[in-house]
Amino acid sequence: MPSEPSERNGAVAGVVLAAGSSTRMGQNKLFFELDGATLLRRVVRCALDGGLDPVIVVVGHEAERARAELAELACTPVDNPDHALGINRSLRTGISHVPECATAAVVMLADMPFVTSRMIESLVARYRESTVPLVISTYGAVNAPPMLYDRALFSELRQMKGEGCGRQVVRRHRDEAISVSWPEAALRDIDVPEDYARIRAELGVGDAGDDAAADDAAPRIGGAGNGAGTDDAGPARG
């Protein structure tokens, strides 16, 4: 059963998936900088500024370097030794480390630099105002992280087999979910060198662009059973 409304003012954890090896980029993109901060620090600061507590960061590839990068931030890095087997292992690792005091968790990807703390705050607010077990972010026709999962769904996330365990849980509970719509520009991620070059050009070297993609528009809220979009990306984008 999902958490009762009276329980929802407690802690909501953050689970940042940051264990991948960036094979398409050719080097670890999480240490690329935008506006003076690495992608890894940006996403963790976003989670912290959005009020998530604790913030669990799943690391794997270059784990020690990632830990050093995060040393000054109030987060908890955890190792996924099986990161080469796919993002599902990282999701299960992160969810398994969410403490009992947290009633829910927001799952985030480390390579989505236009997700903002305002988006995180909105997901948590919609969750606390409702009784639903799932709050989905939508970008046009695509559902993608950040996604908020009530603790009632944690066992499903840990037990799902095959690819896209988060996506499977989203599909199973879509009719019970609330969707929050964001500008499609906020979905942009960095997978190949051209993505990084394009985003740097859009922001301008040294220009502040942290909240430009998402904060100019208020979220559009969909009720349970009204998840906009045709894609069911779980934590991975579809």
C-alpha atoms as a PDB file:
ATOM      1  CA  MET A   1       0.000   0.000   0.000  1.00  0.00           C
ATOM      2  CA  PRO A   2       1.243   3.527  -0.768  1.00  0.00           C
ATOM      3  CA  SER A   3       2.194   5.735   2.153  1.00  0.00           C
ATOM      4  CA  GLU A   4      -0.706   7.469   3.883  1.00  0.00           C
ATOM      5  CA  PRO A   5      -0.998  11.253   3.361  1.00  0.00           C
ATOM      6  CA  SER A   6      -0.191  11.781   7.035  1.00  0.00           C
ATOM      7  CA  GLU A   7       3.173  10.051   6.483  1.00  0.00           C
ATOM      8  CA  ARG A   8       4.169  11.996   3.392  1.00  0.00           C
ATOM      9  CA  ASN A   9       5.678  15.014   5.101  1.00  0.00           C
ATOM     10  CA  GLY A  10       8.668  12.894   6.072  1.00  0.00           C
ATOM     11  CA  ALA A  11      11.910  12.532   4.176  1.00  0.00           C
ATOM     12  CA  VAL A  12      12.019  11.916   0.426  1.00  0.00           C
ATOM     13  CA  ALA A  13      15.355  10.483  -0.671  1.00  0.00           C
ATOM     14  CA  GLY A  14      17.245  11.127  -3.870  1.00  0.00           C
ATOM     15  CA  VAL A  15      18.836   8.325  -5.900  1.00  0.00           C
ATOM     16  CA  VAL A  16      21.294   9.639  -8.490  1.00  0.00           C
ATOM     17  CA  LEU A  17      22.450   7.080 -11.058  1.00  0.00           C
ATOM     18  CA  ALA A  18      26.059   7.958 -11.891  1.00  0.00           C
ATOM     19  CA  ALA A  19      27.841   4.643 -12.416  1.00  0.00           C
ATOM     20  CA  GLY A  20      28.006   4.375 -16.207  1.00  0.00           C
ATOM     21  CA  SER A  21      31.173   4.324 -18.298  1.00  0.00           C
ATOM     22  CA  SER A  22      30.080   6.852 -20.977  1.00  0.00           C
ATOM     23  CA  THR A  23      31.064   4.495 -23.801  1.00  0.00           C
ATOM     24  CA  ARG A  24      29.534   6.661 -26.539  1.00  0.00           C
ATOM     25  CA  MET A  25      31.362   9.744 -25.267  1.00  0.00           C
ATOM     26  CA  GLY A  26      34.757   8.030 -25.136  1.00  0.00           C
ATOM     27  CA  GLN A  27      35.554   9.506 -21.716  1.00  0.00           C
ATOM     28  CA  ASN A  28      33.666  10.016 -18.477  1.00  0.00           C
ATOM     29  CA  LYS A  29      31.124  12.726 -19.250  1.00  0.00           C
ATOM     30  CA  LEU A  30      30.191  13.184 -15.594  1.00  0.00           C
ATOM     31  CA  PHE A  31      33.382  15.206 -15.142  1.00  0.00           C
ATOM     32  CA  PHE A  32      32.626  17.533 -18.052  1.00  0.00           C
ATOM     33  CA  GLU A  33      31.865  21.074 -16.897  1.00  0.00           C
ATOM     34  CA  LEU A  34      28.896  23.305 -17.630  1.00  0.00           C
ATOM     35  CA  ASP A  35      28.714  26.767 -16.111  1.00  0.00           C
ATOM     36  CA  GLY A  36      31.620  26.078 -13.789  1.00  0.00           C
ATOM     37  CA  ALA A  37      30.508  22.740 -12.339  1.00  0.00           C
ATOM     38  CA  THR A  38      30.830  19.135 -13.457  1.00  0.00           C
ATOM     39  CA  LEU A  39      27.698  17.286 -14.521  1.00  0.00           C
ATOM     40  CA  LEU A  40      28.057  15.101 -11.437  1.00  0.00           C
ATOM     41  CA  ARG A  41      28.177  18.015  -9.003  1.00  0.00           C
ATOM     42  CA  ARG A  42      25.324  19.777 -10.818  1.00  0.00           C
ATOM     43  CA  VAL A  43      22.909  16.878 -10.444  1.00  0.00           C
ATOM     44  CA  VAL A  44      23.793  16.259  -6.808  1.00  0.00           C
ATOM     45  CA  ARG A  45      23.443  19.944  -5.937  1.00  0.00           C
ATOM     46  CA  CYS A  46      20.103  19.936  -7.769  1.00  0.00           C
ATOM     47  CA  ALA A  47      18.916  17.041  -5.612  1.00  0.00           C
ATOM     48  CA  LEU A  48      20.104  18.710  -2.411  1.00  0.00           C
ATOM     49  CA  ASP A  49      18.649  22.102  -3.338  1.00  0.00           C
ATOM     50  CA  GLY A  50      15.375  20.359  -4.184  1.00  0.00           C
ATOM     51  CA  GLY A  51      15.120  19.181  -0.573  1.00  0.00           C
ATOM     52  CA  LEU A  52      15.891  15.492  -1.077  1.00  0.00           C
ATOM     53  CA  ASP A  53      17.374  13.848   1.992  1.00  0.00           C
ATOM     54  CA  PRO A  54      19.392  11.718   1.985  1.00  0.00           C
ATOM     55  CA  VAL A  55      20.891  11.913  -1.499  1.00  0.00           C
ATOM     56  CA  ILE A  56      22.365   8.559  -2.526  1.00  0.00           C
ATOM     57  CA  VAL A  57      24.745   8.618  -5.491  1.00  0.00           C
ATOM     58  CA  VAL A  58      25.386   5.275  -7.186  1.00  0.00           C
ATOM     59  CA  VAL A  59      28.938   5.238  -8.545  1.00  0.00           C
ATOM     60  CA  GLY A  60      30.818   2.576 -10.473  1.00  0.00           C
ATOM     61  CA  HIS A  61      33.068   3.598 -13.360  1.00  0.00           C
ATOM     62  CA  GLU A  62      35.894   5.744 -11.916  1.00  0.00           C
ATOM     63  CA  ALA A  63      34.239   5.418  -8.520  1.00  0.00           C
ATOM     64  CA  GLU A  64      37.113   6.888  -6.527  1.00  0.00           C
ATOM     65  CA  ARG A  65      37.264   9.928  -8.777  1.00  0.00           C
ATOM     66  CA  ALA A  66      33.521  10.385  -8.335  1.00  0.00           C
ATOM     67  CA  ARG A  67      33.817  10.113  -4.561  1.00  0.00           C
ATOM     68  CA  ALA A  68      36.535  12.764  -4.568  1.00  0.00           C
ATOM     69  CA  GLU A  69      34.368  15.056  -6.686  1.00  0.00           C
ATOM     70  CA  LEU A  70      31.507  14.696  -4.205  1.00  0.00           C
ATOM     71  CA  ALA A  71      33.564  14.905  -1.017  1.00  0.00           C
ATOM     72  CA  GLU A  72      32.337  18.387  -0.066  1.00  0.00           C
ATOM     73  CA  LEU A  73      28.659  17.680  -0.756  1.00  0.00           C
ATOM     74  CA  ALA A  74      26.186  16.235   1.757  1.00  0.00           C
ATOM     75  CA  CYS A  75      25.516  13.051  -0.179  1.00  0.00           C
ATOM     76  CA  THR A  76      26.170   9.334   0.242  1.00  0.00           C
ATOM     77  CA  PRO A  77      28.079   7.631  -2.595  1.00  0.00           C
ATOM     78  CA  VAL A  78      27.477   3.872  -2.845  1.00  0.00           C
ATOM     79  CA  ASP A  79      29.322   1.468  -5.119  1.00  0.00           C
ATOM     80  CA  ASN A  80      27.772  -0.623  -7.860  1.00  0.00           C
ATOM     81  CA  PRO A  81      30.471  -3.152  -8.767  1.00  0.00           C
ATOM     82  CA  ASP A  82      28.223  -4.507 -11.542  1.00  0.00           C
ATOM     83  CA  HIS A  83      27.747  -1.169 -13.313  1.00  0.00           C
ATOM     84  CA  ALA A  84      28.898  -2.651 -16.627  1.00  0.00           C
ATOM     85  CA  LEU A  85      25.765  -4.849 -16.615  1.00  0.00           C
ATOM     86  CA  GLY A  86      23.469  -1.875 -17.107  1.00  0.00           C
ATOM     87  CA  ILE A  87      21.546   0.886 -15.404  1.00  0.00           C
ATOM     88  CA  ASN A  88      19.102  -1.543 -13.784  1.00  0.00           C
ATOM     89  CA  ARG A  89      21.833  -2.735 -11.423  1.00  0.00           C
ATOM     90  CA  SER A  90      22.466   0.857 -10.389  1.00  0.00           C
ATOM     91  CA  LEU A  91      18.772   1.490  -9.799  1.00  0.00           C
ATOM     92  CA  ARG A  92      18.445  -1.582  -7.614  1.00  0.00           C
ATOM     93  CA  THR A  93      21.611  -0.653  -5.725  1.00  0.00           C
ATOM     94  CA  GLY A  94      20.374   2.862  -5.051  1.00  0.00           C
ATOM     95  CA  ILE A  95      16.889   1.834  -3.956  1.00  0.00           C
ATOM     96  CA  SER A  96      18.377  -0.794  -1.645  1.00  0.00           C
ATOM     97  CA  HIS A  97      20.288   1.955   0.175  1.00  0.00           C
ATOM     98  CA  VAL A  98      17.285   4.226   0.815  1.00  0.00           C
ATOM     99  CA  PRO A  99      16.846   4.329   4.613  1.00  0.00           C
ATOM    100  CA  GLU A 100      13.644   3.283   6.342  1.00  0.00           C
ATOM    101  CA  CYS A 101      12.943   6.874   7.378  1.00  0.00           C
ATOM    102  CA  ALA A 102      12.291   7.891   3.750  1.00  0.00           C
ATOM    103  CA  THR A 103       8.730   7.483   2.484  1.00  0.00           C
ATOM    104  CA  ALA A 104       9.706   7.815  -1.186  1.00  0.00           C
ATOM    105  CA  ALA A 105      12.654   8.321  -3.521  1.00  0.00           C
ATOM    106  CA  VAL A 106      13.246  10.513  -6.559  1.00  0.00           C
ATOM    107  CA  VAL A 107      15.382   8.731  -9.169  1.00  0.00           C
ATOM    108  CA  MET A 108      17.599  11.024 -11.246  1.00  0.00           C
ATOM    109  CA  LEU A 109      20.140  10.565 -14.043  1.00  0.00           C
ATOM    110  CA  ALA A 110      23.490  12.312 -13.804  1.00  0.00           C
ATOM    111  CA  ASP A 111      23.630  13.311 -17.485  1.00  0.00           C
ATOM    112  CA  MET A 112      20.502  15.504 -17.595  1.00  0.00           C
ATOM    113  CA  PRO A 113      21.911  18.968 -16.768  1.00  0.00           C
ATOM    114  CA  PHE A 114      18.673  20.866 -17.382  1.00  0.00           C
ATOM    115  CA  VAL A 115      16.740  19.172 -14.594  1.00  0.00           C
ATOM    116  CA  THR A 116      16.402  21.781 -11.843  1.00  0.00           C
ATOM    117  CA  SER A 117      15.710  21.918  -8.137  1.00  0.00           C
ATOM    118  CA  ARG A 118      12.339  23.473  -8.920  1.00  0.00           C
ATOM    119  CA  MET A 119      11.364  20.345 -10.814  1.00  0.00           C
ATOM    120  CA  ILE A 120      12.348  18.189  -7.848  1.00  0.00           C
ATOM    121  CA  GLU A 121      10.377  20.369  -5.443  1.00  0.00           C
ATOM    122  CA  SER A 122       7.301  20.118  -7.676  1.00  0.00           C
ATOM    123  CA  LEU A 123       7.438  16.317  -7.843  1.00  0.00           C
ATOM    124  CA  VAL A 124       7.676  16.100  -4.063  1.00  0.00           C
ATOM    125  CA  ALA A 125       4.854  18.617  -3.584  1.00  0.00           C
ATOM    126  CA  ARG A 126       2.521  16.677  -5.901  1.00  0.00           C
ATOM    127  CA  TYR A 127       3.363  13.489  -4.026  1.00  0.00           C
ATOM    128  CA  ARG A 128       2.650  15.008  -0.624  1.00  0.00           C
ATOM    129  CA  GLU A 129      -0.678  16.412  -1.789  1.00  0.00           C
ATOM    130  CA  SER A 130      -1.865  13.024  -3.053  1.00  0.00           C
ATOM    131  CA  THR A 131      -2.154   9.337  -2.239  1.00  0.00           C
ATOM    132  CA  VAL A 132      -0.548   8.066  -5.482  1.00  0.00           C
ATOM    133  CA  PRO A 133       2.479   5.736  -5.458  1.00  0.00           C
ATOM    134  CA  LEU A 134       4.186   7.307  -8.475  1.00  0.00           C
ATOM    135  CA  VAL A 135       4.862  10.819  -9.826  1.00  0.00           C
ATOM    136  CA  ILE A 136       6.126  10.921 -13.419  1.00  0.00           C
ATOM    137  CA  SER A 137       7.971  13.659 -15.316  1.00  0.00           C
ATOM    138  CA  THR A 138       6.834  14.106 -18.918  1.00  0.00           C
ATOM    139  CA  TYR A 139       8.494  16.030 -21.727  1.00  0.00           C
ATOM    140  CA  GLY A 140       6.129  16.230 -24.677  1.00  0.00           C
ATOM    141  CA  ALA A 141       5.513  12.612 -25.687  1.00  0.00           C
ATOM    142  CA  VAL A 142       8.307  11.193 -23.514  1.00  0.00           C
ATOM    143  CA  ASN A 143       8.250  10.108 -19.878  1.00  0.00           C
ATOM    144  CA  ALA A 144      11.689  10.357 -18.307  1.00  0.00           C
ATOM    145  CA  PRO A 145      13.474  11.056 -15.019  1.00  0.00           C
ATOM    146  CA  PRO A 146      13.264  12.463 -12.514  1.00  0.00           C
ATOM    147  CA  MET A 147      10.626   9.992 -11.289  1.00  0.00           C
ATOM    148  CA  LEU A 148       9.270   9.730  -7.752  1.00  0.00           C
ATOM    149  CA  TYR A 149       8.499   6.263  -6.377  1.00  0.00           C
ATOM    150  CA  ASP A 150       6.655   5.677  -3.111  1.00  0.00           C
ATOM    151  CA  ARG A 151       8.272   3.156  -0.760  1.00  0.00           C
ATOM    152  CA  ALA A 152       5.457   0.724  -1.628  1.00  0.00           C
ATOM    153  CA  LEU A 153       7.104   0.320  -5.062  1.00  0.00           C
ATOM    154  CA  PHE A 154      10.651  -0.287  -3.827  1.00  0.00           C
ATOM    155  CA  SER A 155      10.304  -4.071  -3.669  1.00  0.00           C
ATOM    156  CA  GLU A 156       9.079  -4.124  -7.279  1.00  0.00           C
ATOM    157  CA  LEU A 157      12.040  -2.021  -8.402  1.00  0.00           C
ATOM    158  CA  ARG A 158      14.433  -4.410  -6.685  1.00  0.00           C
ATOM    159  CA  GLN A 159      12.770  -7.573  -7.990  1.00  0.00           C
ATOM    160  CA  MET A 160      12.114  -6.696 -11.644  1.00  0.00           C
ATOM    161  CA  LYS A 161      14.175  -8.736 -14.091  1.00  0.00           C
ATOM    162  CA  GLY A 162      15.500  -7.831 -17.507  1.00  0.00           C
ATOM    163  CA  GLU A 163      16.003  -4.406 -19.026  1.00  0.00           C
ATOM    164  CA  GLY A 164      14.082  -1.341 -17.951  1.00  0.00           C
ATOM    165  CA  CYS A 165      12.988  -2.348 -14.452  1.00  0.00           C
ATOM    166  CA  GLY A 166      11.985   1.240 -13.693  1.00  0.00           C
ATOM    167  CA  ARG A 167      10.086   1.394 -16.974  1.00  0.00           C
ATOM    168  CA  GLN A 168       8.241  -1.808 -16.106  1.00  0.00           C
ATOM    169  CA  VAL A 169       7.111  -0.370 -12.776  1.00  0.00           C
ATOM    170  CA  VAL A 170       5.948   2.845 -14.462  1.00  0.00           C
ATOM    171  CA  ARG A 171       3.861   0.863 -16.952  1.00  0.00           C
ATOM    172  CA  ARG A 172       2.372  -1.313 -14.234  1.00  0.00           C
ATOM    173  CA  HIS A 173       1.275   1.669 -12.123  1.00  0.00           C
ATOM    174  CA  ARG A 174       0.649   4.308 -14.788  1.00  0.00           C
ATOM    175  CA  ASP A 175      -3.096   4.463 -14.107  1.00  0.00           C
ATOM    176  CA  GLU A 176      -2.353   5.317 -10.476  1.00  0.00           C
ATOM    177  CA  ALA A 177       0.265   7.960 -11.269  1.00  0.00           C
ATOM    178  CA  ILE A 178       0.310  11.735 -11.403  1.00  0.00           C
ATOM    179  CA  SER A 179       2.266  13.299 -14.268  1.00  0.00           C
ATOM    180  CA  VAL A 180       4.076  16.629 -14.189  1.00  0.00           C
ATOM    181  CA  SER A 181       4.884  18.105 -17.610  1.00  0.00           C
ATOM    182  CA  TRP A 182       8.070  20.023 -18.362  1.00  0.00           C
ATOM    183  CA  PRO A 183       9.388  21.806 -21.474  1.00  0.00           C
ATOM    184  CA  GLU A 184      10.963  19.352 -23.881  1.00  0.00           C
ATOM    185  CA  ALA A 185      14.216  21.346 -23.729  1.00  0.00           C
ATOM    186  CA  ALA A 186      14.727  20.124 -20.159  1.00  0.00           C
ATOM    187  CA  LEU A 187      15.051  16.546 -21.471  1.00  0.00           C
ATOM    188  CA  ARG A 188      18.327  17.249 -23.244  1.00  0.00           C
ATOM    189  CA  ASP A 189      21.138  14.992 -22.133  1.00  0.00           C
ATOM    190  CA  ILE A 190      24.786  14.490 -23.028  1.00  0.00           C
ATOM    191  CA  ASP A 191      25.689  11.177 -24.674  1.00  0.00           C
ATOM    192  CA  VAL A 192      28.162  12.053 -27.442  1.00  0.00           C
ATOM    193  CA  PRO A 193      30.716  14.858 -27.934  1.00  0.00           C
ATOM    194  CA  GLU A 194      28.361  16.705 -30.261  1.00  0.00           C
ATOM    195  CA  ASP A 195      25.757  16.958 -27.477  1.00  0.00           C
ATOM    196  CA  TYR A 196      28.276  18.590 -25.169  1.00  0.00           C
ATOM    197  CA  ALA A 197      29.488  21.013 -27.836  1.00  0.00           C
ATOM    198  CA  ARG A 198      25.940  21.997 -28.760  1.00  0.00           C
ATOM    199  CA  ILE A 199      24.878  22.645 -25.169  1.00  0.00           C
ATOM    200  CA  ARG A 200      28.012  24.678 -24.457  1.00  0.00           C
ATOM    201  CA  ALA A 201      27.297  26.755 -27.538  1.00  0.00           C
ATOM    202  CA  GLU A 202      23.690  27.301 -26.472  1.00  0.00           C
ATOM    203  CA  LEU A 203      24.704  28.395 -22.977  1.00  0.00           C
ATOM    204  CA  GLY A 204      27.728  30.385 -24.058  1.00  0.00           C
ATOM    205  CA  VAL A 205      31.058  29.722 -22.385  1.00  0.00           C
ATOM    206  CA  GLY A 206      30.745  30.878 -18.783  1.00  0.00           C
ATOM    207  CA  ASP A 207      27.119  31.959 -19.174  1.00  0.00           C
ATOM    208  CA  ALA A 208      24.643  30.957 -16.486  1.00  0.00           C
ATOM    209  CA  GLY A 209      22.090  28.609 -17.945  1.00  0.00           C
ATOM    210  CA  ASP A 210      21.318  26.442 -14.966  1.00  0.00           C
ATOM    211  CA  ASP A 211      17.579  26.909 -14.860  1.00  0.00           C
ATOM    212  CA  ALA A 212      16.889  28.349 -18.295  1.00  0.00           C
ATOM    213  CA  ALA A 213      15.336  25.258 -19.833  1.00  0.00           C
ATOM    214  CA  ALA A 214      12.786  24.406 -17.170  1.00  0.00           C
ATOM    215  CA  ASP A 215      12.219  27.331 -14.855  1.00  0.00           C
ATOM    216  CA  ASP A 216      10.639  29.658 -17.407  1.00  0.00           C
ATOM    217  CA  ALA A 217       7.512  27.517 -17.456  1.00  0.00           C
ATOM    218  CA  ALA A 218       5.297  26.365 -14.611  1.00  0.00           C
ATOM    219  CA  PRO A 219       4.666  22.627 -14.394  1.00  0.00           C
ATOM    220  CA  ARG A 220       1.500  21.233 -15.922  1.00  0.00           C
ATOM    221  CA  ILE A 221      -0.053  18.638 -13.655  1.00  0.00           C
ATOM    222  CA  GLY A 222      -1.887  15.536 -14.846  1.00  0.00           C
ATOM    223  CA  GLY A 223      -4.110  13.527 -12.531  1.00  0.00           C
ATOM    224  CA  ALA A 224      -3.859   9.842 -11.760  1.00  0.00           C
ATOM    225  CA  GLY A 225      -4.477   7.825 -14.893  1.00  0.00           C
ATOM    226  CA  ASN A 226      -3.632  10.823 -17.089  1.00  0.00           C
ATOM    227  CA  GLY A 227       0.096  10.411 -17.630  1.00  0.00           C
ATOM    228  CA  ALA A 228       0.784  12.411 -20.765  1.00  0.00           C
ATOM    229  CA  GLY A 229       3.025  10.943 -23.413  1.00  0.00           C
ATOM    230  CA  THR A 230       3.486   7.644 -25.163  1.00  0.00           C
ATOM    231  CA  ASP A 231       6.877   6.630 -23.806  1.00  0.00           C
ATOM    232  CA  ASP A 232       7.290   4.883 -20.474  1.00  0.00           C
ATOM    233  CA  ALA A 233      10.895   5.542 -19.603  1.00  0.00           C
ATOM    234  CA  GLY A 234      11.635   4.296 -16.175  1.00  0.00           C
ATOM    235  CA  PRO A 235      14.747   5.622 -15.162  1.00  0.00           C
ATOM    236  CA  ALA A 236      16.081   5.281 -18.667  1.00  0.00           C
ATOM    237  CA  ARG A 237      14.611   7.445 -21.368  1.00  0.00           C
ATOM    238  CA  GLY A 238      12.646   5.750 -24.093  1.00  0.00           C
END
